[in-house]
Amino acid sequence: METLPSFFKCQISSYMVSKAIINSGLTTETIPDLLKHVAGEFSSSIFEIWGENCISEYMTASATHRHVWHAVLSVTASRLPLGIDMRNWLTKSRRKEVLRVAFGTCPPGMIRLLSKLGPCAETPEFYNAVHAALSRGDTLTQTLHHAKKIDARAVLLIYGSIN
C-alpha cells in the first residue's frame, strides 16, 4: 500500500477533525479555545508550528507526544535547532532524541513520566522541574518513577524546596 505524503495526511486528518467538529455542533470560533485549553501557554507556539492546515495533527496526537512537544518548547529557544521545519522535526524524530536535543539529556523515565499526565499541557516550569528532578538520580527520582499518577503541583513544590 502506498503511503500518502504528509501534506495529504494533514489534509485528510483536518477533514476528519473538521467533520467531527461540525457534527458535534462546535464552530470554527471554538477551535482556538480548544487549542488554548489543550496547549495552555504553548498554544501560540503550537499554532505557529502546525499552522491552520495541520493543527489537527497536533490535536489528535497522543497526550504523551504533546507533552514531549510541550517539554521541548519549554526550553530556551537558543537550545533548539535552527533553520529546520519544526513540525517535521517534532513529529518525525524519536521522542528521546527530541528531548535530548532540547535539554541536553533525556533522563531515564522522562517519557514514561510524561505519559502519566493528563491531556492538557503543564507549565514550562513543570517540564523543566521534571527534567531536573529525573536527572538527579535520588529518592525523588525513584518516587517519580514509581508514581502511578503525577501531580504537577507536588512536583513543583518538591522540586522547588530542594532546588
Protein backbone atom coordinates (compact mmCIF):
# COMPACT_ATOMS: atom_id res chain seq x y z
CA MET A 1 0.00 0.00 0.00
CA GLU A 2 1.35 3.40 -0.98
CA THR A 3 1.76 5.92 1.83
CA LEU A 4 0.50 9.45 1.41
CA PRO A 5 2.78 12.48 1.64
CA SER A 6 2.45 14.26 4.99
CA PHE A 7 0.64 17.20 3.37
CA PHE A 8 -2.20 14.92 2.29
CA LYS A 9 -2.24 13.18 5.67
CA CYS A 10 -2.69 16.59 7.32
CA GLN A 11 -5.49 17.43 4.89
CA ILE A 12 -7.28 14.12 5.45
CA SER A 13 -6.86 14.40 9.21
CA SER A 14 -8.05 18.04 9.13
CA TYR A 15 -11.07 16.97 7.13
CA MET A 16 -11.91 14.23 9.64
CA VAL A 17 -11.50 16.55 12.62
CA SER A 18 -13.48 19.29 10.86
CA LYS A 19 -16.29 16.82 10.13
CA ALA A 20 -16.34 15.69 13.78
CA ILE A 21 -16.45 19.32 14.91
CA ILE A 22 -19.34 20.11 12.58
CA ASN A 23 -21.22 17.00 13.72
CA SER A 24 -20.67 17.93 17.37
CA GLY A 25 -22.05 21.44 16.91
CA LEU A 26 -18.75 23.23 17.58
CA THR A 27 -17.89 26.18 15.36
CA THR A 28 -14.59 27.32 13.90
CA GLU A 29 -14.54 30.06 16.52
CA THR A 30 -14.29 27.32 19.16
CA ILE A 31 -11.06 25.82 17.79
CA PRO A 32 -8.74 28.47 19.28
CA ASP A 33 -10.45 27.95 22.65
CA LEU A 34 -9.95 24.20 22.40
CA LEU A 35 -6.31 24.66 21.40
CA LYS A 36 -5.79 27.09 24.29
CA HIS A 37 -7.35 24.56 26.66
CA VAL A 38 -5.17 21.65 25.49
CA ALA A 39 -1.91 23.53 24.77
CA GLY A 40 -2.15 26.14 27.53
CA GLU A 41 0.79 28.56 27.50
CA PHE A 42 2.14 26.82 24.39
CA SER A 43 -0.93 27.50 22.21
CA SER A 44 0.60 30.37 20.20
CA SER A 45 3.80 28.38 19.54
CA ILE A 46 1.80 25.30 18.61
CA PHE A 47 -0.36 27.25 16.19
CA GLU A 48 2.73 28.86 14.67
CA ILE A 49 4.44 25.46 14.22
CA TRP A 50 1.47 23.42 12.97
CA GLY A 51 -0.43 26.19 11.20
CA GLU A 52 -4.10 26.29 10.43
CA ASN A 53 -4.00 23.41 7.93
CA CYS A 54 -2.25 20.87 10.18
CA ILE A 55 -3.38 21.83 13.68
CA SER A 56 -5.49 18.66 13.73
CA GLU A 57 -2.24 16.65 13.64
CA TYR A 58 -1.33 18.25 16.98
CA MET A 59 -4.83 17.87 18.43
CA THR A 60 -5.15 14.19 17.50
CA ALA A 61 -1.65 13.21 18.64
CA SER A 62 -1.33 11.16 21.81
CA ALA A 63 -1.10 13.11 25.06
CA THR A 64 2.43 11.72 25.52
CA HIS A 65 3.56 13.16 22.19
CA ARG A 66 2.00 16.51 23.03
CA HIS A 67 3.73 16.57 26.44
CA VAL A 68 7.08 15.80 24.79
CA TRP A 69 6.48 18.68 22.37
CA HIS A 70 5.50 20.99 25.24
CA ALA A 71 8.63 19.99 27.16
CA VAL A 72 10.77 20.81 24.11
CA LEU A 73 9.05 24.18 23.74
CA SER A 74 9.65 24.91 27.45
CA VAL A 75 13.42 25.20 26.98
CA THR A 76 15.23 28.32 25.87
CA ALA A 77 14.79 28.80 22.13
CA SER A 78 18.56 29.07 21.65
CA ARG A 79 18.87 25.36 22.57
CA LEU A 80 16.61 24.27 19.72
CA PRO A 81 17.96 23.56 16.22
CA LEU A 82 17.82 26.48 13.80
CA GLY A 83 16.70 26.51 10.21
CA ILE A 84 14.57 23.37 10.33
CA ASP A 85 10.93 22.54 9.74
CA MET A 86 9.99 22.38 13.42
CA ARG A 87 6.74 20.45 12.87
CA ASN A 88 8.51 17.82 10.81
CA TRP A 89 11.35 17.56 13.36
CA LEU A 90 8.98 17.20 16.31
CA THR A 91 6.68 14.68 14.64
CA LYS A 92 9.23 12.54 12.78
CA SER A 93 12.10 12.35 15.28
CA ARG A 94 12.25 9.88 18.14
CA ARG A 95 10.87 11.35 21.36
CA LYS A 96 14.08 10.65 23.31
CA GLU A 97 16.17 12.36 20.65
CA VAL A 98 13.94 15.44 20.61
CA LEU A 99 14.20 15.71 24.41
CA ARG A 100 17.96 15.10 24.30
CA VAL A 101 18.45 17.94 21.81
CA ALA A 102 16.23 20.31 23.78
CA PHE A 103 17.51 19.59 27.30
CA GLY A 104 20.97 18.24 26.58
CA THR A 105 19.95 14.88 28.10
CA CYS A 106 16.91 12.66 28.29
CA PRO A 107 16.97 11.12 31.77
CA PRO A 108 15.60 7.60 32.22
CA GLY A 109 11.86 7.66 32.81
CA MET A 110 11.18 11.07 31.28
CA ILE A 111 8.86 9.85 28.53
CA ARG A 112 7.13 7.40 30.86
CA LEU A 113 6.51 10.18 33.38
CA LEU A 114 5.09 12.43 30.64
CA SER A 115 2.77 9.58 29.64
CA LYS A 116 1.22 9.66 33.13
CA LEU A 117 -0.01 13.23 32.71
CA GLY A 118 -3.46 14.19 31.53
CA PRO A 119 -4.39 15.52 28.10
CA CYS A 120 -3.59 19.19 28.77
CA ALA A 121 -0.25 20.95 28.85
CA GLU A 122 1.53 21.77 32.08
CA THR A 123 3.59 24.93 32.63
CA PRO A 124 7.08 25.38 31.18
CA GLU A 125 8.37 25.41 34.77
CA PHE A 126 6.86 21.98 35.35
CA TYR A 127 8.62 20.38 32.37
CA ASN A 128 11.93 21.90 33.43
CA ALA A 129 11.40 20.75 37.03
CA VAL A 130 10.62 17.20 35.88
CA HIS A 131 13.78 17.08 33.78
CA ALA A 132 15.89 18.39 36.66
CA ALA A 133 14.29 16.03 39.19
CA LEU A 134 14.74 12.96 36.98
CA SER A 135 18.34 13.98 36.25
CA ARG A 136 19.21 13.94 39.96
CA GLY A 137 19.01 10.17 40.37
CA ASP A 138 17.99 10.39 44.03
CA THR A 139 14.97 9.42 46.15
CA LEU A 140 12.77 11.99 44.43
CA THR A 141 13.68 10.43 41.10
CA GLN A 142 12.66 6.99 42.38
CA THR A 143 9.41 8.41 43.76
CA LEU A 144 8.58 9.93 40.38
CA HIS A 145 9.50 6.70 38.56
CA HIS A 146 7.09 4.65 40.66
CA ALA A 147 4.20 7.09 40.88
CA LYS A 148 1.04 5.86 39.17
CA LYS A 149 -0.18 9.40 38.62
CA ILE A 150 1.79 12.64 38.57
CA ASP A 151 0.56 15.69 40.45
CA ALA A 152 2.14 18.72 38.77
CA ARG A 153 1.76 20.92 41.87
CA ALA A 154 3.52 18.36 44.05
CA VAL A 155 6.42 18.06 41.59
CA LEU A 156 6.82 21.84 41.53
CA LEU A 157 6.58 22.11 45.33
CA ILE A 158 9.04 19.27 45.98
CA TYR A 159 11.49 20.36 43.35
CA GLY A 160 11.24 23.99 44.47
CA SER A 161 12.06 23.03 48.05
CA ILE A 162 15.22 21.10 47.12
CA ASN A 163 16.50 23.32 44.35
